[in-house]
Amino acid sequence: MVEKNQPSLSVGVQCRLLAISRSSFYDTPQGETEMNLDLMLLIDKQFPDSPFCGVRQMT
């Protein structure tokens, strides 16, 4: 785990040692929007009725 207040190793060095990018360390995950959740629910309901449809036909 990367620690911000580590005096002997900078965040960049810690990320490099753990093989993760610095941008992913600083990035805070965003939740799904309400509209996106509603669309995913509609697709989930529709899929059992037409499992032969691919992603292009479903969206």
Protein backbone atom coordinates (compact mmCIF):
# COMPACT_ATOMS: atom_id res chain seq x y z
CA MET A 1 0.00 0.00 0.00
CA VAL A 2 1.25 3.46 -0.88
CA GLU A 3 1.70 5.81 2.06
CA LYS A 4 1.65 9.56 1.41
CA ASN A 5 3.68 10.56 4.48
CA GLN A 6 6.62 8.21 4.04
CA PRO A 7 9.77 10.35 4.42
CA SER A 8 12.21 7.84 2.93
CA LEU A 9 10.21 6.96 -0.21
CA SER A 10 8.26 9.37 -2.37
CA VAL A 11 4.84 8.47 -3.70
CA GLY A 12 6.35 8.08 -7.18
CA VAL A 13 8.97 5.60 -5.96
CA GLN A 14 6.39 3.62 -3.98
CA CYS A 15 4.10 3.42 -7.01
CA ARG A 16 6.97 2.32 -9.22
CA LEU A 17 7.94 -0.41 -6.72
CA LEU A 18 4.33 -1.64 -6.61
CA ALA A 19 4.02 -1.41 -10.42
CA ILE A 20 1.04 0.97 -10.33
CA SER A 21 0.75 4.32 -12.02
CA ARG A 22 0.82 7.48 -9.94
CA SER A 23 -2.35 8.71 -11.63
CA SER A 24 -4.25 5.62 -10.45
CA PHE A 25 -3.02 6.31 -6.92
CA TYR A 26 -4.38 9.86 -6.98
CA ASP A 27 -7.57 9.00 -8.90
CA THR A 28 -10.68 8.74 -6.77
CA PRO A 29 -13.30 6.37 -8.19
CA GLN A 30 -16.55 7.98 -9.21
CA GLY A 31 -19.87 6.27 -8.67
CA GLU A 32 -22.32 5.51 -11.44
CA THR A 33 -24.84 8.18 -12.35
CA GLU A 34 -28.53 7.56 -11.68
CA MET A 35 -29.26 7.58 -15.41
CA ASN A 36 -26.54 5.01 -16.09
CA LEU A 37 -27.86 2.75 -13.33
CA ASP A 38 -31.37 2.99 -14.80
CA LEU A 39 -30.06 2.08 -18.26
CA MET A 40 -28.11 -0.90 -16.89
CA LEU A 41 -31.25 -2.11 -15.14
CA LEU A 42 -33.26 -1.88 -18.37
CA ILE A 43 -30.59 -3.81 -20.27
CA ASP A 44 -30.46 -6.46 -17.52
CA LYS A 45 -34.23 -6.89 -17.76
CA GLN A 46 -34.20 -7.08 -21.57
CA PHE A 47 -31.30 -9.53 -21.95
CA PRO A 48 -33.09 -12.74 -20.79
CA ASP A 49 -35.78 -12.13 -23.44
CA SER A 50 -33.25 -11.76 -26.24
CA PRO A 51 -29.92 -13.42 -25.31
CA PHE A 52 -28.99 -13.69 -28.99
CA CYS A 53 -28.57 -9.91 -29.23
CA GLY A 54 -25.06 -8.55 -29.03
CA VAL A 55 -23.88 -5.38 -27.39
CA ARG A 56 -24.63 -3.24 -30.46
CA GLN A 57 -28.23 -4.42 -30.65
CA MET A 58 -28.77 -4.10 -26.90
CA THR A 59 -27.56 -0.53 -26.74
